[in-house]
Amino acid sequence: FDGILILAAALLLLTPGILTDVVGFLLLVPF
């Protein structure tokens, strides 16, 4: 499950934008 969310985070972080970056970085937080 962590791996799936980390992959989603990577995709969001590679997508240009502010909102996607914020959500992507949040998904990298284990909590």
PDB file of all heavy atoms in Angstrom:
ATOM      1  N   PHE A   1       0.832  -1.199   0.000  1.00  0.00           N
ATOM      2  CA  PHE A   1       0.000   0.000   0.000  1.00  0.00           C
ATOM      3  C   PHE A   1       0.869   1.253   0.000  1.00  0.00           C
ATOM      4  O   PHE A   1       0.598   2.198  -0.732  1.00  0.00           O
ATOM      5  CB  PHE A   1      -0.935  -0.020   1.214  1.00  0.00           C
ATOM      6  CG  PHE A   1      -1.841   1.165   1.279  1.00  0.00           C
ATOM      7  CD1 PHE A   1      -2.952   1.256   0.454  1.00  0.00           C
ATOM      8  CD2 PHE A   1      -1.580   2.205   2.149  1.00  0.00           C
ATOM      9  CE1 PHE A   1      -3.785   2.364   0.499  1.00  0.00           C
ATOM     10  CE2 PHE A   1      -2.408   3.317   2.200  1.00  0.00           C
ATOM     11  CZ  PHE A   1      -3.517   3.395   1.374  1.00  0.00           C
ATOM     12  N   ASP A   2       1.917   1.248   0.834  1.00  0.00           N
ATOM     13  CA  ASP A   2       2.858   2.371   0.844  1.00  0.00           C
ATOM     14  C   ASP A   2       3.449   2.583  -0.548  1.00  0.00           C
ATOM     15  O   ASP A   2       3.554   3.714  -1.027  1.00  0.00           O
ATOM     16  CB  ASP A   2       4.000   2.130   1.832  1.00  0.00           C
ATOM     17  CG  ASP A   2       3.654   2.544   3.249  1.00  0.00           C
ATOM     18  OD1 ASP A   2       2.602   3.186   3.451  1.00  0.00           O
ATOM     19  OD2 ASP A   2       4.439   2.222   4.151  1.00  0.00           O
ATOM     20  N   GLY A   3       3.839   1.499  -1.183  1.00  0.00           N
ATOM     21  CA  GLY A   3       4.425   1.593  -2.516  1.00  0.00           C
ATOM     22  C   GLY A   3       3.476   2.220  -3.524  1.00  0.00           C
ATOM     23  O   GLY A   3       3.888   3.035  -4.362  1.00  0.00           O
ATOM     24  N   ILE A   4       2.200   1.859  -3.436  1.00  0.00           N
ATOM     25  CA  ILE A   4       1.201   2.429  -4.355  1.00  0.00           C
ATOM     26  C   ILE A   4       1.071   3.930  -4.122  1.00  0.00           C
ATOM     27  O   ILE A   4       1.053   4.719  -5.074  1.00  0.00           O
ATOM     28  CB  ILE A   4      -0.157   1.711  -4.186  1.00  0.00           C
ATOM     29  CG1 ILE A   4      -0.048   0.275  -4.691  1.00  0.00           C
ATOM     30  CG2 ILE A   4      -1.271   2.461  -4.907  1.00  0.00           C
ATOM     31  CD1 ILE A   4      -1.222  -0.607  -4.311  1.00  0.00           C
ATOM     32  N   LEU A   5       1.000   4.337  -2.851  1.00  0.00           N
ATOM     33  CA  LEU A   5       0.871   5.767  -2.561  1.00  0.00           C
ATOM     34  C   LEU A   5       2.154   6.528  -2.895  1.00  0.00           C
ATOM     35  O   LEU A   5       2.098   7.690  -3.317  1.00  0.00           O
ATOM     36  CB  LEU A   5       0.475   5.994  -1.105  1.00  0.00           C
ATOM     37  CG  LEU A   5      -0.967   5.626  -0.757  1.00  0.00           C
ATOM     38  CD1 LEU A   5      -1.270   5.938   0.692  1.00  0.00           C
ATOM     39  CD2 LEU A   5      -1.952   6.341  -1.664  1.00  0.00           C
ATOM     40  N   ILE A   6       3.297   5.900  -2.719  1.00  0.00           N
ATOM     41  CA  ILE A   6       4.569   6.546  -3.084  1.00  0.00           C
ATOM     42  C   ILE A   6       4.639   6.729  -4.597  1.00  0.00           C
ATOM     43  O   ILE A   6       5.094   7.768  -5.089  1.00  0.00           O
ATOM     44  CB  ILE A   6       5.761   5.748  -2.533  1.00  0.00           C
ATOM     45  CG1 ILE A   6       5.793   5.847  -1.002  1.00  0.00           C
ATOM     46  CG2 ILE A   6       7.080   6.233  -3.136  1.00  0.00           C
ATOM     47  CD1 ILE A   6       6.715   4.849  -0.335  1.00  0.00           C
ATOM     48  N   LEU A   7       4.172   5.748  -5.347  1.00  0.00           N
ATOM     49  CA  LEU A   7       4.121   5.884  -6.808  1.00  0.00           C
ATOM     50  C   LEU A   7       3.188   7.027  -7.201  1.00  0.00           C
ATOM     51  O   LEU A   7       3.521   7.833  -8.073  1.00  0.00           O
ATOM     52  CB  LEU A   7       3.669   4.571  -7.452  1.00  0.00           C
ATOM     53  CG  LEU A   7       3.482   4.601  -8.963  1.00  0.00           C
ATOM     54  CD1 LEU A   7       4.805   4.906  -9.657  1.00  0.00           C
ATOM     55  CD2 LEU A   7       2.916   3.279  -9.453  1.00  0.00           C
ATOM     56  N   ALA A   8       2.036   7.104  -6.544  1.00  0.00           N
ATOM     57  CA  ALA A   8       1.109   8.209  -6.814  1.00  0.00           C
ATOM     58  C   ALA A   8       1.773   9.548  -6.490  1.00  0.00           C
ATOM     59  O   ALA A   8       1.630  10.521  -7.238  1.00  0.00           O
ATOM     60  CB  ALA A   8      -0.175   8.038  -6.006  1.00  0.00           C
ATOM     61  N   ALA A   9       2.506   9.589  -5.378  1.00  0.00           N
ATOM     62  CA  ALA A   9       3.218  10.820  -4.994  1.00  0.00           C
ATOM     63  C   ALA A   9       4.227  11.209  -6.070  1.00  0.00           C
ATOM     64  O   ALA A   9       4.324  12.384  -6.446  1.00  0.00           O
ATOM     65  CB  ALA A   9       3.922  10.631  -3.650  1.00  0.00           C
ATOM     66  N   ALA A  10       4.975  10.237  -6.565  1.00  0.00           N
ATOM     67  CA  ALA A  10       5.980  10.521  -7.598  1.00  0.00           C
ATOM     68  C   ALA A  10       5.316  11.081  -8.858  1.00  0.00           C
ATOM     69  O   ALA A  10       5.805  12.051  -9.451  1.00  0.00           O
ATOM     70  CB  ALA A  10       6.771   9.253  -7.925  1.00  0.00           C
ATOM     71  N   LEU A  11       4.196  10.481  -9.254  1.00  0.00           N
ATOM     72  CA  LEU A  11       3.488  10.974 -10.440  1.00  0.00           C
ATOM     73  C   LEU A  11       2.980  12.399 -10.227  1.00  0.00           C
ATOM     74  O   LEU A  11       3.077  13.234 -11.127  1.00  0.00           O
ATOM     75  CB  LEU A  11       2.330  10.038 -10.791  1.00  0.00           C
ATOM     76  CG  LEU A  11       2.730   8.638 -11.260  1.00  0.00           C
ATOM     77  CD1 LEU A  11       1.497   7.754 -11.429  1.00  0.00           C
ATOM     78  CD2 LEU A  11       3.515   8.713 -12.555  1.00  0.00           C
ATOM     79  N   LEU A  12       2.454  12.663  -9.032  1.00  0.00           N
ATOM     80  CA  LEU A  12       1.975  14.018  -8.742  1.00  0.00           C
ATOM     81  C   LEU A  12       3.123  15.023  -8.707  1.00  0.00           C
ATOM     82  O   LEU A  12       2.978  16.159  -9.174  1.00  0.00           O
ATOM     83  CB  LEU A  12       1.224  14.041  -7.406  1.00  0.00           C
ATOM     84  CG  LEU A  12      -0.140  13.359  -7.412  1.00  0.00           C
ATOM     85  CD1 LEU A  12      -0.663  13.207  -5.991  1.00  0.00           C
ATOM     86  CD2 LEU A  12      -1.128  14.141  -8.276  1.00  0.00           C
ATOM     87  N   LEU A  13       4.262  14.618  -8.160  1.00  0.00           N
ATOM     88  CA  LEU A  13       5.413  15.530  -8.070  1.00  0.00           C
ATOM     89  C   LEU A  13       6.045  15.795  -9.433  1.00  0.00           C
ATOM     90  O   LEU A  13       6.631  16.855  -9.649  1.00  0.00           O
ATOM     91  CB  LEU A  13       6.445  14.986  -7.088  1.00  0.00           C
ATOM     92  CG  LEU A  13       5.995  15.078  -5.628  1.00  0.00           C
ATOM     93  CD1 LEU A  13       6.839  14.163  -4.759  1.00  0.00           C
ATOM     94  CD2 LEU A  13       6.066  16.508  -5.141  1.00  0.00           C
ATOM     95  N   LEU A  14       5.932  14.856 -10.341  1.00  0.00           N
ATOM     96  CA  LEU A  14       6.474  15.067 -11.688  1.00  0.00           C
ATOM     97  C   LEU A  14       5.521  15.872 -12.563  1.00  0.00           C
ATOM     98  O   LEU A  14       5.914  16.367 -13.615  1.00  0.00           O
ATOM     99  CB  LEU A  14       6.790  13.717 -12.345  1.00  0.00           C
ATOM    100  CG  LEU A  14       7.960  12.968 -11.715  1.00  0.00           C
ATOM    101  CD1 LEU A  14       8.095  11.578 -12.327  1.00  0.00           C
ATOM    102  CD2 LEU A  14       9.258  13.743 -11.879  1.00  0.00           C
ATOM    103  N   THR A  15       4.265  16.002 -12.121  1.00  0.00           N
ATOM    104  CA  THR A  15       3.285  16.818 -12.839  1.00  0.00           C
ATOM    105  C   THR A  15       3.516  18.278 -12.451  1.00  0.00           C
ATOM    106  O   THR A  15       3.521  18.601 -11.274  1.00  0.00           O
ATOM    107  CB  THR A  15       1.849  16.395 -12.441  1.00  0.00           C
ATOM    108  OG1 THR A  15       1.685  15.018 -12.720  1.00  0.00           O
ATOM    109  CG2 THR A  15       0.811  17.201 -13.185  1.00  0.00           C
ATOM    110  N   PRO A  16       3.719  19.161 -13.430  1.00  0.00           N
ATOM    111  CA  PRO A  16       3.965  20.563 -13.083  1.00  0.00           C
ATOM    112  C   PRO A  16       2.758  21.181 -12.383  1.00  0.00           C
ATOM    113  O   PRO A  16       1.633  21.050 -12.846  1.00  0.00           O
ATOM    114  CB  PRO A  16       4.196  21.250 -14.429  1.00  0.00           C
ATOM    115  CG  PRO A  16       4.447  20.162 -15.401  1.00  0.00           C
ATOM    116  CD  PRO A  16       3.787  18.939 -14.864  1.00  0.00           C
ATOM    117  N   GLY A  17       3.006  21.801 -11.253  1.00  0.00           N
ATOM    118  CA  GLY A  17       1.932  22.480 -10.540  1.00  0.00           C
ATOM    119  C   GLY A  17       2.212  22.586  -9.057  1.00  0.00           C
ATOM    120  O   GLY A  17       3.043  21.870  -8.506  1.00  0.00           O
ATOM    121  N   ILE A  18       1.489  23.471  -8.418  1.00  0.00           N
ATOM    122  CA  ILE A  18       1.661  23.720  -6.985  1.00  0.00           C
ATOM    123  C   ILE A  18       0.794  22.750  -6.181  1.00  0.00           C
ATOM    124  O   ILE A  18       1.272  22.103  -5.251  1.00  0.00           O
ATOM    125  CB  ILE A  18       1.271  25.182  -6.642  1.00  0.00           C
ATOM    126  CG1 ILE A  18       1.999  26.184  -7.534  1.00  0.00           C
ATOM    127  CG2 ILE A  18       1.477  25.456  -5.163  1.00  0.00           C
ATOM    128  CD1 ILE A  18       3.453  26.370  -7.256  1.00  0.00           C
ATOM    129  N   LEU A  19      -0.471  22.637  -6.542  1.00  0.00           N
ATOM    130  CA  LEU A  19      -1.400  21.768  -5.817  1.00  0.00           C
ATOM    131  C   LEU A  19      -0.947  20.306  -5.875  1.00  0.00           C
ATOM    132  O   LEU A  19      -0.923  19.619  -4.848  1.00  0.00           O
ATOM    133  CB  LEU A  19      -2.817  21.905  -6.389  1.00  0.00           C
ATOM    134  CG  LEU A  19      -3.895  21.024  -5.778  1.00  0.00           C
ATOM    135  CD1 LEU A  19      -4.101  21.370  -4.314  1.00  0.00           C
ATOM    136  CD2 LEU A  19      -5.196  21.173  -6.559  1.00  0.00           C
ATOM    137  N   THR A  20      -0.566  19.844  -7.062  1.00  0.00           N
ATOM    138  CA  THR A  20      -0.113  18.450  -7.190  1.00  0.00           C
ATOM    139  C   THR A  20       1.166  18.215  -6.395  1.00  0.00           C
ATOM    140  O   THR A  20       1.357  17.136  -5.836  1.00  0.00           O
ATOM    141  CB  THR A  20       0.097  18.058  -8.669  1.00  0.00           C
ATOM    142  OG1 THR A  20       0.956  19.011  -9.291  1.00  0.00           O
ATOM    143  CG2 THR A  20      -1.222  17.962  -9.403  1.00  0.00           C
ATOM    144  N   ASP A  21       2.036  19.233  -6.321  1.00  0.00           N
ATOM    145  CA  ASP A  21       3.259  19.096  -5.519  1.00  0.00           C
ATOM    146  C   ASP A  21       2.926  18.970  -4.032  1.00  0.00           C
ATOM    147  O   ASP A  21       3.499  18.145  -3.323  1.00  0.00           O
ATOM    148  CB  ASP A  21       4.191  20.288  -5.736  1.00  0.00           C
ATOM    149  CG  ASP A  21       4.890  20.251  -7.084  1.00  0.00           C
ATOM    150  OD1 ASP A  21       4.830  19.196  -7.745  1.00  0.00           O
ATOM    151  OD2 ASP A  21       5.500  21.258  -7.453  1.00  0.00           O
ATOM    152  N   VAL A  22       1.993  19.787  -3.553  1.00  0.00           N
ATOM    153  CA  VAL A  22       1.615  19.727  -2.139  1.00  0.00           C
ATOM    154  C   VAL A  22       1.032  18.351  -1.805  1.00  0.00           C
ATOM    155  O   VAL A  22       1.431  17.721  -0.821  1.00  0.00           O
ATOM    156  CB  VAL A  22       0.605  20.856  -1.787  1.00  0.00           C
ATOM    157  CG1 VAL A  22      -0.003  20.639  -0.410  1.00  0.00           C
ATOM    158  CG2 VAL A  22       1.281  22.218  -1.870  1.00  0.00           C
ATOM    159  N   VAL A  23       0.117  17.872  -2.635  1.00  0.00           N
ATOM    160  CA  VAL A  23      -0.483  16.554  -2.393  1.00  0.00           C
ATOM    161  C   VAL A  23       0.589  15.469  -2.509  1.00  0.00           C
ATOM    162  O   VAL A  23       0.638  14.537  -1.703  1.00  0.00           O
ATOM    163  CB  VAL A  23      -1.659  16.285  -3.362  1.00  0.00           C
ATOM    164  CG1 VAL A  23      -2.189  14.863  -3.208  1.00  0.00           C
ATOM    165  CG2 VAL A  23      -2.776  17.293  -3.135  1.00  0.00           C
ATOM    166  N   GLY A  24       1.465  15.584  -3.495  1.00  0.00           N
ATOM    167  CA  GLY A  24       2.538  14.608  -3.671  1.00  0.00           C
ATOM    168  C   GLY A  24       3.457  14.540  -2.462  1.00  0.00           C
ATOM    169  O   GLY A  24       3.790  13.457  -1.976  1.00  0.00           O
ATOM    170  N   PHE A  25       3.878  15.699  -1.958  1.00  0.00           N
ATOM    171  CA  PHE A  25       4.744  15.701  -0.771  1.00  0.00           C
ATOM    172  C   PHE A  25       4.009  15.162   0.457  1.00  0.00           C
ATOM    173  O   PHE A  25       4.600  14.474   1.277  1.00  0.00           O
ATOM    174  CB  PHE A  25       5.311  17.102  -0.499  1.00  0.00           C
ATOM    175  CG  PHE A  25       6.518  17.431  -1.327  1.00  0.00           C
ATOM    176  CD1 PHE A  25       6.485  18.470  -2.245  1.00  0.00           C
ATOM    177  CD2 PHE A  25       7.692  16.699  -1.201  1.00  0.00           C
ATOM    178  CE1 PHE A  25       7.598  18.774  -3.021  1.00  0.00           C
ATOM    179  CE2 PHE A  25       8.812  16.995  -1.960  1.00  0.00           C
ATOM    180  CZ  PHE A  25       8.767  18.036  -2.872  1.00  0.00           C
ATOM    181  N   LEU A  26       2.720  15.457   0.579  1.00  0.00           N
ATOM    182  CA  LEU A  26       1.943  14.903   1.701  1.00  0.00           C
ATOM    183  C   LEU A  26       1.922  13.371   1.652  1.00  0.00           C
ATOM    184  O   LEU A  26       2.005  12.706   2.685  1.00  0.00           O
ATOM    185  CB  LEU A  26       0.521  15.455   1.700  1.00  0.00           C
ATOM    186  CG  LEU A  26       0.348  16.871   2.218  1.00  0.00           C
ATOM    187  CD1 LEU A  26      -1.086  17.359   2.016  1.00  0.00           C
ATOM    188  CD2 LEU A  26       0.735  16.968   3.681  1.00  0.00           C
ATOM    189  N   LEU A  27       1.812  12.808   0.445  1.00  0.00           N
ATOM    190  CA  LEU A  27       1.786  11.346   0.312  1.00  0.00           C
ATOM    191  C   LEU A  27       3.137  10.709   0.645  1.00  0.00           C
ATOM    192  O   LEU A  27       3.208   9.505   0.875  1.00  0.00           O
ATOM    193  CB  LEU A  27       1.360  10.936  -1.104  1.00  0.00           C
ATOM    194  CG  LEU A  27      -0.105  11.181  -1.443  1.00  0.00           C
ATOM    195  CD1 LEU A  27      -0.377  10.816  -2.901  1.00  0.00           C
ATOM    196  CD2 LEU A  27      -1.029  10.420  -0.512  1.00  0.00           C
ATOM    197  N   LEU A  28       4.189  11.509   0.695  1.00  0.00           N
ATOM    198  CA  LEU A  28       5.503  10.978   1.079  1.00  0.00           C
ATOM    199  C   LEU A  28       5.698  10.970   2.597  1.00  0.00           C
ATOM    200  O   LEU A  28       6.691  10.436   3.088  1.00  0.00           O
ATOM    201  CB  LEU A  28       6.624  11.787   0.414  1.00  0.00           C
ATOM    202  CG  LEU A  28       6.729  11.632  -1.102  1.00  0.00           C
ATOM    203  CD1 LEU A  28       7.852  12.510  -1.640  1.00  0.00           C
ATOM    204  CD2 LEU A  28       6.940  10.186  -1.497  1.00  0.00           C
ATOM    205  N   VAL A  29       4.738  11.524   3.336  1.00  0.00           N
ATOM    206  CA  VAL A  29       4.812  11.533   4.800  1.00  0.00           C
ATOM    207  C   VAL A  29       4.179  10.232   5.311  1.00  0.00           C
ATOM    208  O   VAL A  29       2.993   9.989   5.064  1.00  0.00           O
ATOM    209  CB  VAL A  29       4.083  12.766   5.386  1.00  0.00           C
ATOM    210  CG1 VAL A  29       4.098  12.730   6.906  1.00  0.00           C
ATOM    211  CG2 VAL A  29       4.694  14.046   4.847  1.00  0.00           C
ATOM    212  N   PRO A  30       4.961   9.372   5.996  1.00  0.00           N
ATOM    213  CA  PRO A  30       4.423   8.082   6.444  1.00  0.00           C
ATOM    214  C   PRO A  30       3.143   8.197   7.277  1.00  0.00           C
ATOM    215  O   PRO A  30       2.219   7.390   7.104  1.00  0.00           O
ATOM    216  CB  PRO A  30       5.563   7.482   7.273  1.00  0.00           C
ATOM    217  CG  PRO A  30       6.799   8.089   6.682  1.00  0.00           C
ATOM    218  CD  PRO A  30       6.394   9.484   6.303  1.00  0.00           C
ATOM    219  N   PHE A  31       3.047   9.208   8.150  1.00  0.00           N
ATOM    220  CA  PHE A  31       1.842   9.372   8.957  1.00  0.00           C
ATOM    221  C   PHE A  31       0.615   9.586   8.075  1.00  0.00           C
ATOM    222  O   PHE A  31      -0.460   9.028   8.336  1.00  0.00           O
ATOM    223  CB  PHE A  31       1.999  10.550   9.929  1.00  0.00           C
ATOM    224  CG  PHE A  31       0.720  10.914  10.627  1.00  0.00           C
ATOM    225  CD1 PHE A  31       0.258  10.138  11.679  1.00  0.00           C
ATOM    226  CD2 PHE A  31      -0.026  12.013  10.233  1.00  0.00           C
ATOM    227  CE1 PHE A  31      -0.937  10.455  12.319  1.00  0.00           C
ATOM    228  CE2 PHE A  31      -1.208  12.338  10.868  1.00  0.00           C
ATOM    229  CZ  PHE A  31      -1.670  11.557  11.909  1.00  0.00           C
TER     230      PHE A  31
END
